[in-house]
Each structure stands twice: as C-alpha cells, then as structure tokens.
Amino acid sequence: MKKKYMNLQFDRMSAVLTAALLSSAFLFAQERQGCVDPVITATDGPGTVCEGETATLTATHNGDSVNWYDAATGGNLVGSGSPFVTPALSSNTSFWAESINNGGGGTPQTGGARVAPTNTTSSAVVAVTSPWGLAFNATQDFTINSVDVYLASSTPGDVVMQLKDSGLNVLETATIAAPAGNSSTPVQFTLNLDFYVPMGTDFNLVAESSPVMVREFSSGHPGFPYPIGTVGTVTGGTINDNDANATVYYFFYNWTITPGLVCASDRVEEAVMVTPAPAAPSGDSTQTFFAGETLADLDVTGQNLTWYSDAAGMTMIPDTTPLVDGTTYYVSQTVDGCEGDLLAITVELLLGMDDAAFEGIRYYPNPVTDILTIDHSQKIDTVTLFNTLGQTIVSKVYDSPSVYLDLSGIAVGSYFMRITTQEGTKTFSVLKK
C-alpha cells in the first residue's frame, strides 16, 4: 500500500510539473506569437582596407532589418542596413551583424507621454551639453514607432535621434531631415523612428543635434511622470547624458508605440583588416632645377610615386609636368596598394645659359584674355602651352622674334608656357582670364 501511495504521489507531482511546463511553454509561445528568430546566412566585406579608408559590409539574412554592433554581445550599435559603410578605420576592426524581426502582436497606441506642448518656448540642442531628451522606463518590450516635435526654426535641419540604455550604450540611431518651422506658430512634425525598446529602466530618447524645437519648463507642463500608453513611463528630462534637467520636458510629444517582441538572430562577425599607410616618400623639401626639366627630374625616393599640384592631394599631375620656379609640388608613394602621406617640394630655378639667352623677353598682357604677344631679341622657334596636368593645350611653330598666340578659345585658369629658341628653352607662367 505504501509503495502504491508513493507512486500515486509521484504521478501527481509529475502531472503538476508537466502542466506547469506546458503552461509556461504556452505563455512563451503566446508571447512570441508572430515573431520568428531570423537567420544571417552570410556576411561579406572587403577583407582588407587601407588605413583611413571606410569598409562596405553586407549581410544576407531573412529578417526585417539588420543592425551592426561593435561586440559579439551587448556593445554599441554602430550602424544599420545592408550595405553598411563603416567609419574610417585606423586599425583591425570587427563588426557583428544582427538581423531583426519585428514580432508585433500588439495594437499600436498613440498619445504617449505629453500629447502636445502648451507654449512656444524653444531651443536647438546646444553642442556642449548634447544630447537633450527624455528619460523613461519600459515595463514590457515595445517599439517606438514615432514621436512628434514642434519646429520653431525658420530653416530646415536634421534631427539626429538616439535611443540609449541605462549604460548609455546607443541601441538605435536615426537622422531625420525636418522642414522649416515657425517661431510664433511652431510646425508639428512626426519623426518616424521604429526604435525597439526591451523591458528595463532608465532609457534615454535623445536628440544629439537638432534645429530649434519646442521644449517646456516646469511652468509649462504639469510635471513628471507621464505614461507611455500601457508599456512604460517618461520619468524626466535629460541633458548631457546625466538627467540634470529633470524638470524640463524636451521636444518629444505624442509617442506612438506598439507593444510586442523583437526577435533577433545570432550575431555574425565580419572582420576588416587594416593595412597601415606608408610614410611619405623621402626627398629634400626644397630642390633646384634647370629650365626645361620636369617632375621626373626631381630627387625623390619611394615606390609608385604620384604627383599632385595641391596639398590636399586632389589634383593629380603627370611626372612630365614642366617645373616652374617657386612652385610647390606634392608627391606620395603607394605600397601594397595603400597610398601614404604627401611630401611637399618647392622648386627653385638655377640660372644657366638658357636663362641668359632669355634675358629681355617680354610676353603680354598677363593675365591674358585672347591674344598673347611675345617679343624677344632672338627668333622664337616654338611656343607650347601646358595646363597644370602637363597636358599640351596649344603648340605653335614660328620663325620670328615677335609672335602672337591666340588663347581666346581656352578655359580660364593657370597655364605653363614653354618657349624654345636656337639658344635654349625656358618655361613661364601664364594666367588666362
């Protein structure tokens, strides 16, 4: 009898435990209804970039969207979408892709927090105390679909939005272009966010920067807290990430939210290797030259040299470019596919026989509009005009001490003019206006 009793008790306990487990599974299934964990099947990137370059990353997934983080778990949200362009990289860096499905299952709720302001006091976010916004708690998972702002600026501007957790990690970010507003009658404008908020406390919804928008001091609103529908509460204002202005209501009205889960995939790593940029090529910063020499005649040591006419390295010029007295040129080297810093070289003309042969030469007017006149004591054989890229624009053959060069058909800008006589060759600067 005792054994039967014990077996009966065991069966009852098993039944209770099974029922509890089934009930938990049922509730969990209900909670996750309409939310399926997505999967990332592949990520891709360049593998290697040069120091200072960005990398374009992609993720193949079956979710609604994809986010990129700087850690395998937790960490900071650094971007979203596929493709995703990273910031400029200075060292080997890994990024983790996480695909998201919006579970839904809840009915959207509007009118969260304060519905609308009651005055027109306004300000843009001040950079030194950025960001400005609202602190809130979430009693369950939900998505912030949108919030309204009231624009008081007479010009359009971007609202840079962030959602931060209690550790001030950026969970979501969005930059939204806002139209012009009006200071006397602020313009209501909806910021569409779709920011997912997990259940928790001390979240911040903030603007990192913004145009002028309405915010209310304690004299303009009844006071915190304000309910966010059935999912949470706005607890105060926040400024400079420290909740220092807990009596000020910053910017965000009429929260529209949807209760429910967001399902996420496992994170997948995409590593980017960074090749260090080589040093600038070596060479003296001031070098001399004889008339008629080019960039190729300068003394520079480096691999795969590239010449530029500007310090920003925007305008490439060939090494056949004639050297002009007093001009500064810039050169880089490329090693393992990566271009390095620029070496600046200022050139000085050495006086020689060619220079003596060109004493007394005149060319006018300079700047020139159409016809350039060139007078010399000797016969001029050829006149060749180059642009700053070393390309020949005009080349004429003469046999006279006085010649005319028609420049009416060329573009406005700076040029080099090479004059050749039986005594030698010399290069001059010409400005076309």
Protein backbone atom coordinates (compact mmCIF):
# COMPACT_ATOMS: atom_id res chain seq x y z
CA MET A 1 0.00 0.00 0.00
CA LYS A 2 2.80 2.39 0.93
CA LYS A 3 4.51 1.78 -2.42
CA LYS A 4 1.27 2.40 -4.31
CA TYR A 5 0.76 5.60 -2.33
CA MET A 6 4.24 6.80 -3.16
CA ASN A 7 3.75 6.03 -6.83
CA LEU A 8 0.46 7.91 -6.80
CA GLN A 9 2.10 10.93 -5.20
CA PHE A 10 4.91 10.79 -7.77
CA ASP A 11 2.40 10.61 -10.62
CA ARG A 12 0.55 13.62 -9.22
CA MET A 13 3.77 15.61 -8.89
CA SER A 14 4.75 14.69 -12.44
CA ALA A 15 1.36 15.78 -13.72
CA VAL A 16 1.63 19.14 -11.90
CA LEU A 17 5.17 19.71 -13.21
CA THR A 18 4.14 18.75 -16.74
CA ALA A 19 1.17 21.09 -16.57
CA ALA A 20 3.38 23.90 -15.34
CA LEU A 21 5.87 23.33 -18.11
CA LEU A 22 3.13 23.20 -20.70
CA SER A 23 1.60 26.36 -19.29
CA SER A 24 4.98 28.14 -19.45
CA ALA A 25 5.54 26.92 -22.98
CA PHE A 26 2.05 28.09 -23.93
CA LEU A 27 2.63 31.54 -22.43
CA PHE A 28 6.05 31.78 -24.10
CA ALA A 29 4.50 30.75 -27.42
CA GLN A 30 1.77 33.34 -26.95
CA GLU A 31 4.36 35.99 -26.12
CA ARG A 32 6.36 35.17 -29.24
CA GLN A 33 3.33 34.84 -31.48
CA GLY A 34 4.14 36.41 -34.84
CA CYS A 35 7.84 36.72 -34.00
CA VAL A 36 10.31 34.29 -35.57
CA ASP A 37 14.05 34.48 -34.99
CA PRO A 38 15.69 35.44 -38.30
CA VAL A 39 18.93 33.94 -39.55
CA ILE A 40 22.02 35.55 -41.07
CA THR A 41 23.38 33.15 -43.68
CA ALA A 42 26.42 35.20 -44.70
CA THR A 43 28.28 38.45 -44.21
CA ASP A 44 30.72 40.00 -46.63
CA GLY A 45 33.21 42.84 -46.74
CA PRO A 46 36.43 43.92 -48.42
CA GLY A 47 38.58 41.86 -46.04
CA THR A 48 41.36 44.45 -46.12
CA VAL A 49 41.32 48.24 -46.47
CA CYS A 50 43.99 50.90 -46.26
CA GLU A 51 44.39 52.95 -43.10
CA GLY A 52 41.94 55.86 -43.09
CA GLU A 53 39.51 54.21 -45.51
CA THR A 54 35.95 53.03 -44.87
CA ALA A 55 34.69 49.48 -45.49
CA THR A 56 31.38 48.49 -47.06
CA LEU A 57 29.80 45.49 -45.31
CA THR A 58 26.79 43.40 -46.32
CA ALA A 59 24.69 40.74 -44.61
CA THR A 60 22.49 38.10 -46.24
CA HIS A 61 19.52 37.48 -43.91
CA ASN A 62 15.80 36.71 -43.83
CA GLY A 63 14.77 39.31 -41.24
CA ASP A 64 13.07 42.68 -41.48
CA SER A 65 16.32 44.58 -40.99
CA VAL A 66 19.92 44.22 -39.89
CA ASN A 67 21.95 46.13 -37.29
CA TRP A 68 25.72 46.26 -36.82
CA TYR A 69 27.43 46.24 -33.41
CA ASP A 70 30.96 46.61 -32.10
CA ALA A 71 30.76 43.50 -29.88
CA ALA A 72 29.54 39.89 -30.07
CA THR A 73 27.05 40.63 -27.27
CA GLY A 74 25.88 43.93 -25.84
CA GLY A 75 28.17 46.67 -27.09
CA ASN A 76 27.17 49.71 -29.12
CA LEU A 77 25.04 49.95 -32.22
CA VAL A 78 27.34 51.42 -34.89
CA GLY A 79 25.08 51.29 -37.93
CA SER A 80 22.20 49.59 -39.69
CA GLY A 81 21.23 48.31 -43.10
CA SER A 82 22.93 46.32 -45.82
CA PRO A 83 25.16 47.63 -47.25
CA PHE A 84 26.63 49.40 -44.22
CA VAL A 85 29.56 51.79 -44.65
CA THR A 86 31.84 51.85 -41.62
CA PRO A 87 33.59 54.94 -40.29
CA ALA A 88 37.18 55.48 -41.44
CA LEU A 89 39.30 52.73 -39.87
CA SER A 90 42.75 53.08 -38.31
CA SER A 91 43.26 49.51 -37.03
CA ASN A 92 41.94 45.96 -37.48
CA THR A 93 38.26 46.06 -36.51
CA SER A 94 35.42 43.53 -36.21
CA PHE A 95 31.73 44.28 -36.71
CA TRP A 96 28.85 41.98 -35.76
CA ALA A 97 25.66 41.79 -37.80
CA GLU A 98 22.33 41.04 -36.10
CA SER A 99 19.13 40.54 -38.08
CA ILE A 100 15.83 41.70 -36.57
CA ASN A 101 12.21 40.63 -36.95
CA ASN A 102 9.50 42.85 -35.54
CA GLY A 103 7.18 40.49 -33.72
CA GLY A 104 4.24 42.81 -33.39
CA GLY A 105 1.30 41.05 -31.81
CA GLY A 106 0.21 44.24 -30.05
CA THR A 107 -2.12 47.05 -31.02
CA PRO A 108 -0.44 50.40 -31.75
CA GLN A 109 -1.07 53.05 -29.09
CA THR A 110 -0.90 56.81 -29.64
CA GLY A 111 -0.82 59.79 -27.31
CA GLY A 112 2.03 58.54 -25.16
CA ALA A 113 3.90 60.97 -22.84
CA ARG A 114 2.71 64.56 -23.41
CA VAL A 115 0.39 64.81 -26.38
CA ALA A 116 1.32 68.41 -27.30
CA PRO A 117 3.04 71.44 -25.77
CA THR A 118 1.11 74.35 -24.27
CA ASN A 119 3.66 77.09 -25.06
CA THR A 120 6.22 78.00 -27.72
CA THR A 121 9.47 78.22 -25.76
CA SER A 122 12.10 76.59 -27.91
CA SER A 123 15.77 75.86 -28.46
CA ALA A 124 18.10 73.80 -30.59
CA VAL A 125 20.35 71.25 -28.89
CA VAL A 126 23.50 73.01 -27.68
CA ALA A 127 26.58 71.01 -28.65
CA VAL A 128 28.41 71.50 -25.35
CA THR A 129 25.54 69.88 -23.40
CA SER A 130 24.33 67.43 -26.07
CA PRO A 131 22.25 65.26 -26.12
CA TRP A 132 18.85 66.57 -24.93
CA GLY A 133 15.74 64.45 -24.48
CA LEU A 134 13.63 62.35 -22.14
CA ALA A 135 14.37 59.53 -19.69
CA PHE A 136 11.85 56.68 -19.43
CA ASN A 137 11.21 53.17 -18.13
CA ALA A 138 9.73 50.23 -20.05
CA THR A 139 7.50 47.75 -18.22
CA GLN A 140 7.46 45.49 -21.30
CA ASP A 141 9.07 45.22 -24.71
CA PHE A 142 7.75 47.71 -27.24
CA THR A 143 8.64 49.67 -30.36
CA ILE A 144 8.64 53.47 -30.53
CA ASN A 145 7.03 53.91 -33.94
CA SER A 146 7.17 57.71 -33.93
CA VAL A 147 7.18 60.88 -31.85
CA ASP A 148 6.11 64.41 -32.74
CA VAL A 149 8.25 67.52 -32.48
CA TYR A 150 7.23 71.16 -32.92
CA LEU A 151 9.62 73.02 -35.19
CA ALA A 152 10.37 76.68 -34.50
CA SER A 153 13.36 77.17 -36.81
CA SER A 154 12.86 79.20 -39.99
CA THR A 155 15.22 76.89 -41.86
CA PRO A 156 15.21 73.10 -42.38
CA GLY A 157 17.60 70.91 -40.41
CA ASP A 158 18.45 67.35 -39.39
CA VAL A 159 17.24 65.80 -36.13
CA VAL A 160 19.85 63.23 -35.06
CA MET A 161 17.99 60.76 -32.78
CA GLN A 162 19.42 58.17 -30.40
CA LEU A 163 17.96 55.55 -28.06
CA LYS A 164 20.30 54.76 -25.15
CA ASP A 165 20.12 52.15 -22.41
CA SER A 166 20.96 52.64 -18.73
CA GLY A 167 24.67 52.26 -19.52
CA LEU A 168 24.36 55.00 -22.18
CA ASN A 169 25.03 52.48 -24.94
CA VAL A 170 23.43 53.58 -28.21
CA LEU A 171 20.77 50.99 -29.09
CA GLU A 172 19.23 52.75 -32.08
CA THR A 173 20.01 55.84 -34.13
CA ALA A 174 18.34 57.79 -36.94
CA THR A 175 18.96 61.04 -38.78
CA ILE A 176 15.74 62.66 -39.98
CA ALA A 177 15.51 65.70 -42.23
CA ALA A 178 12.99 68.17 -40.80
CA PRO A 179 11.36 71.02 -42.75
CA ALA A 180 11.40 74.68 -41.74
CA GLY A 181 9.14 75.71 -38.86
CA ASN A 182 7.87 78.93 -37.35
CA SER A 183 8.79 80.56 -34.04
CA SER A 184 5.36 82.09 -33.37
CA THR A 185 3.35 79.08 -34.59
CA PRO A 186 5.63 76.01 -34.35
CA VAL A 187 5.06 73.37 -37.02
CA GLN A 188 4.12 69.87 -35.82
CA PHE A 189 6.32 67.23 -37.48
CA THR A 190 6.42 63.45 -37.00
CA LEU A 191 9.74 61.67 -36.56
CA ASN A 192 9.35 58.07 -37.74
CA LEU A 193 11.74 56.01 -35.62
CA ASP A 194 10.86 52.31 -35.28
CA PHE A 195 13.16 52.05 -32.24
CA TYR A 196 12.86 48.76 -30.34
CA VAL A 197 12.87 49.05 -26.52
CA PRO A 198 13.38 45.93 -24.38
CA MET A 199 11.81 45.83 -20.94
CA GLY A 200 14.00 47.76 -18.49
CA THR A 201 14.66 51.06 -16.72
CA ASP A 202 16.48 54.32 -17.33
CA PHE A 203 16.34 54.52 -21.11
CA ASN A 204 17.02 57.84 -22.85
CA LEU A 205 15.36 59.03 -26.05
CA VAL A 206 17.50 61.99 -27.09
CA ALA A 207 18.45 64.34 -29.90
CA GLU A 208 22.20 64.57 -30.39
CA SER A 209 21.66 67.66 -32.57
CA SER A 210 18.59 69.41 -33.92
CA PRO A 211 17.03 72.54 -35.37
CA VAL A 212 15.12 74.83 -32.97
CA MET A 213 12.23 72.84 -31.40
CA VAL A 214 9.69 73.43 -28.63
CA ARG A 215 10.54 72.27 -25.11
CA GLU A 216 8.70 73.11 -21.87
CA PHE A 217 9.96 74.24 -18.49
CA SER A 218 8.18 73.14 -15.31
CA SER A 219 5.94 76.22 -15.51
CA GLY A 220 4.63 74.97 -18.86
CA HIS A 221 3.76 71.35 -18.04
CA PRO A 222 2.11 69.68 -15.03
CA GLY A 223 5.15 67.60 -14.14
CA PHE A 224 6.64 64.14 -14.49
CA PRO A 225 5.91 61.24 -14.77
CA TYR A 226 3.90 60.79 -17.98
CA PRO A 227 2.58 57.36 -19.05
CA ILE A 228 3.61 55.82 -22.38
CA GLY A 229 0.35 54.01 -23.02
CA THR A 230 0.42 50.71 -21.13
CA VAL A 231 4.11 49.96 -21.70
CA GLY A 232 6.12 52.46 -19.67
CA THR A 233 6.59 55.91 -18.19
CA VAL A 234 8.52 59.06 -19.06
CA THR A 235 10.28 59.93 -15.81
CA GLY A 236 12.05 63.22 -16.59
CA GLY A 237 14.12 65.36 -18.89
CA THR A 238 17.75 64.53 -19.61
CA ILE A 239 20.62 66.69 -20.76
CA ASN A 240 24.28 65.85 -21.34
CA ASP A 241 23.50 62.18 -20.50
CA ASN A 242 23.04 62.92 -16.80
CA ASP A 243 19.33 63.73 -16.24
CA ALA A 244 20.41 67.16 -14.95
CA ASN A 245 17.26 68.96 -16.15
CA ALA A 246 14.68 66.64 -14.69
CA THR A 247 12.01 69.39 -14.63
CA VAL A 248 12.29 70.27 -18.35
CA TYR A 249 10.22 68.41 -20.93
CA TYR A 250 12.40 68.11 -24.05
CA PHE A 251 10.96 68.01 -27.55
CA PHE A 252 9.17 64.65 -27.94
CA TYR A 253 5.35 64.55 -27.89
CA ASN A 254 2.57 62.13 -28.85
CA TRP A 255 4.55 58.91 -28.70
CA THR A 256 3.11 56.20 -30.94
CA ILE A 257 4.19 52.75 -29.78
CA THR A 258 3.48 49.08 -30.48
CA PRO A 259 3.79 46.54 -27.65
CA GLY A 260 5.48 43.26 -28.53
CA LEU A 261 8.71 41.40 -29.01
CA VAL A 262 11.50 41.94 -31.46
CA CYS A 263 13.24 38.70 -32.42
CA ALA A 264 16.94 38.77 -33.20
CA SER A 265 19.35 36.39 -34.91
CA ASP A 266 22.67 35.29 -33.53
CA ARG A 267 25.32 37.88 -34.30
CA VAL A 268 27.78 37.12 -37.09
CA GLU A 269 31.24 38.65 -37.16
CA GLU A 270 32.76 40.39 -40.17
CA ALA A 271 36.41 41.32 -39.61
CA VAL A 272 38.17 44.10 -41.50
CA MET A 273 41.96 44.09 -41.62
CA VAL A 274 43.64 47.48 -41.95
CA THR A 275 46.91 47.94 -43.83
CA PRO A 276 48.95 50.79 -42.33
CA ALA A 277 49.53 53.72 -44.65
CA PRO A 278 53.16 54.07 -45.78
CA ALA A 279 55.22 57.11 -44.87
CA ALA A 280 55.67 59.94 -47.32
CA PRO A 281 58.48 59.39 -49.85
CA SER A 282 61.86 60.87 -48.91
CA GLY A 283 63.48 63.87 -50.54
CA ASP A 284 64.56 67.45 -49.85
CA SER A 285 61.69 69.88 -49.35
CA THR A 286 63.49 72.48 -51.50
CA GLN A 287 65.12 71.39 -54.76
CA THR A 288 66.73 73.20 -57.69
CA PHE A 289 66.24 72.61 -61.39
CA PHE A 290 67.36 73.82 -64.78
CA ALA A 291 65.00 75.27 -67.34
CA GLY A 292 63.08 72.60 -69.24
CA GLU A 293 63.22 69.95 -66.50
CA THR A 294 60.10 68.15 -65.28
CA LEU A 295 58.83 66.50 -62.09
CA ALA A 296 60.61 63.30 -63.13
CA ASP A 297 63.93 65.14 -62.73
CA LEU A 298 63.40 65.82 -59.01
CA ASP A 299 65.25 63.70 -56.46
CA VAL A 300 62.58 61.60 -54.66
CA THR A 301 62.89 58.10 -53.19
CA GLY A 302 59.72 55.99 -52.96
CA GLN A 303 57.55 53.37 -54.64
CA ASN A 304 54.86 54.06 -57.23
CA LEU A 305 55.08 57.85 -56.95
CA THR A 306 52.01 60.01 -57.60
CA TRP A 307 52.33 63.77 -58.10
CA TYR A 308 49.77 66.43 -57.15
CA SER A 309 49.50 70.16 -57.68
CA ASP A 310 47.73 70.76 -54.34
CA ALA A 311 48.38 69.97 -50.67
CA ALA A 312 45.02 68.17 -50.36
CA GLY A 313 46.08 65.62 -52.98
CA MET A 314 43.01 66.25 -55.13
CA THR A 315 44.58 67.14 -58.50
CA MET A 316 46.98 64.58 -59.96
CA ILE A 317 49.62 65.72 -62.44
CA PRO A 318 51.96 63.58 -64.59
CA ASP A 319 55.69 63.45 -63.92
CA THR A 320 56.18 65.05 -67.35
CA THR A 321 54.86 68.36 -65.94
CA PRO A 322 57.40 71.15 -66.58
CA LEU A 323 58.86 72.68 -63.42
CA VAL A 324 58.06 76.32 -62.70
CA ASP A 325 60.27 78.45 -60.46
CA GLY A 326 58.90 78.98 -56.94
CA THR A 327 56.12 76.39 -57.30
CA THR A 328 55.40 73.75 -54.64
CA TYR A 329 54.56 70.23 -55.83
CA TYR A 330 53.34 67.27 -53.75
CA VAL A 331 54.21 63.61 -54.10
CA SER A 332 53.08 60.38 -52.40
CA GLN A 333 54.13 56.75 -52.62
CA THR A 334 51.89 53.68 -52.81
CA VAL A 335 52.98 50.47 -51.03
CA ASP A 336 50.91 47.25 -51.01
CA GLY A 337 48.06 49.13 -52.66
CA CYS A 338 47.91 51.85 -49.98
CA GLU A 339 48.86 55.47 -50.60
CA GLY A 340 50.75 57.39 -47.92
CA ASP A 341 51.20 60.99 -46.88
CA LEU A 342 52.42 63.72 -49.21
CA LEU A 343 55.92 65.18 -49.43
CA ALA A 344 55.92 68.86 -50.39
CA ILE A 345 58.75 70.04 -52.65
CA THR A 346 59.31 73.67 -53.60
CA VAL A 347 61.48 74.16 -56.68
CA GLU A 348 63.96 76.93 -57.47
CA LEU A 349 65.31 77.65 -60.93
CA LEU A 350 69.08 77.51 -61.41
CA LEU A 351 70.34 80.27 -63.68
CA GLY A 352 72.25 78.91 -66.61
CA MET A 353 72.95 79.56 -70.24
CA ASP A 354 69.28 79.16 -71.13
CA ASP A 355 68.31 81.90 -68.70
CA ALA A 356 70.90 84.31 -70.08
CA ALA A 357 69.55 83.61 -73.55
CA PHE A 358 66.07 84.70 -72.46
CA GLU A 359 67.03 88.00 -70.85
CA GLY A 360 64.82 90.76 -72.16
CA ILE A 361 61.98 88.52 -73.35
CA ARG A 362 58.53 90.06 -72.94
CA TYR A 363 55.08 88.46 -73.05
CA TYR A 364 51.92 90.48 -72.52
CA PRO A 365 49.24 91.03 -71.41
CA ASN A 366 49.40 88.63 -68.45
CA PRO A 367 46.67 87.85 -67.41
CA VAL A 368 45.54 87.48 -71.00
CA THR A 369 42.03 87.44 -72.44
CA ASP A 370 42.62 86.46 -76.06
CA ILE A 371 45.92 87.32 -77.85
CA LEU A 372 49.26 86.89 -76.04
CA THR A 373 52.12 88.84 -77.62
CA ILE A 374 55.70 87.54 -77.21
CA ASP A 375 58.72 89.71 -78.10
CA HIS A 376 62.35 88.59 -78.00
CA SER A 377 65.70 89.68 -79.33
CA GLN A 378 66.11 86.28 -81.00
CA LYS A 379 63.88 84.29 -83.27
CA ILE A 380 61.30 82.16 -81.48
CA ASP A 381 61.06 78.62 -82.83
CA THR A 382 58.13 77.10 -80.89
CA VAL A 383 55.66 78.09 -78.18
CA THR A 384 53.84 75.31 -76.27
CA LEU A 385 51.13 75.89 -73.66
CA PHE A 386 50.51 73.24 -70.95
CA ASN A 387 47.80 73.01 -68.31
CA THR A 388 48.57 72.17 -64.68
CA LEU A 389 48.19 68.47 -65.51
CA GLY A 390 51.03 68.68 -68.01
CA GLN A 391 48.72 68.29 -70.99
CA THR A 392 49.50 70.21 -74.18
CA ILE A 393 46.80 72.79 -74.92
CA VAL A 394 48.38 74.80 -77.74
CA SER A 395 51.61 74.27 -79.68
CA LYS A 396 52.76 76.64 -82.46
CA VAL A 397 55.85 76.76 -84.70
CA TYR A 398 57.28 80.21 -85.52
CA ASP A 399 60.36 81.78 -87.06
CA SER A 400 60.16 85.32 -85.78
CA PRO A 401 61.26 87.43 -82.79
CA SER A 402 57.69 88.71 -82.37
CA VAL A 403 54.82 86.21 -82.31
CA TYR A 404 51.16 86.13 -81.35
CA LEU A 405 49.46 83.26 -79.52
CA ASP A 406 45.66 83.10 -79.75
CA LEU A 407 44.28 81.92 -76.38
CA SER A 408 40.69 83.08 -76.86
CA GLY A 409 39.42 79.52 -77.13
CA ILE A 410 40.92 78.06 -73.95
CA ALA A 411 39.38 77.92 -70.48
CA VAL A 412 40.10 80.42 -67.74
CA GLY A 413 42.92 79.26 -65.44
CA SER A 414 46.66 78.94 -64.87
CA TYR A 415 48.99 77.57 -67.56
CA PHE A 416 52.68 76.96 -68.27
CA MET A 417 54.23 78.29 -71.48
CA ARG A 418 57.44 76.75 -72.84
CA ILE A 419 59.35 78.93 -75.34
CA THR A 420 62.12 77.41 -77.46
CA THR A 421 64.76 79.29 -79.44
CA GLN A 422 68.03 78.22 -81.02
CA GLU A 423 69.70 79.23 -77.74
CA GLY A 424 67.58 77.10 -75.40
CA THR A 425 64.22 76.55 -73.70
CA LYS A 426 62.50 78.25 -70.77
CA THR A 427 59.09 77.86 -69.07
CA PHE A 428 56.89 80.77 -67.95
CA SER A 429 53.58 81.09 -66.10
CA VAL A 430 50.53 82.46 -67.91
CA LEU A 431 47.12 83.31 -66.44
CA LYS A 432 44.05 83.20 -68.72
CA LYS A 433 41.11 85.33 -67.59
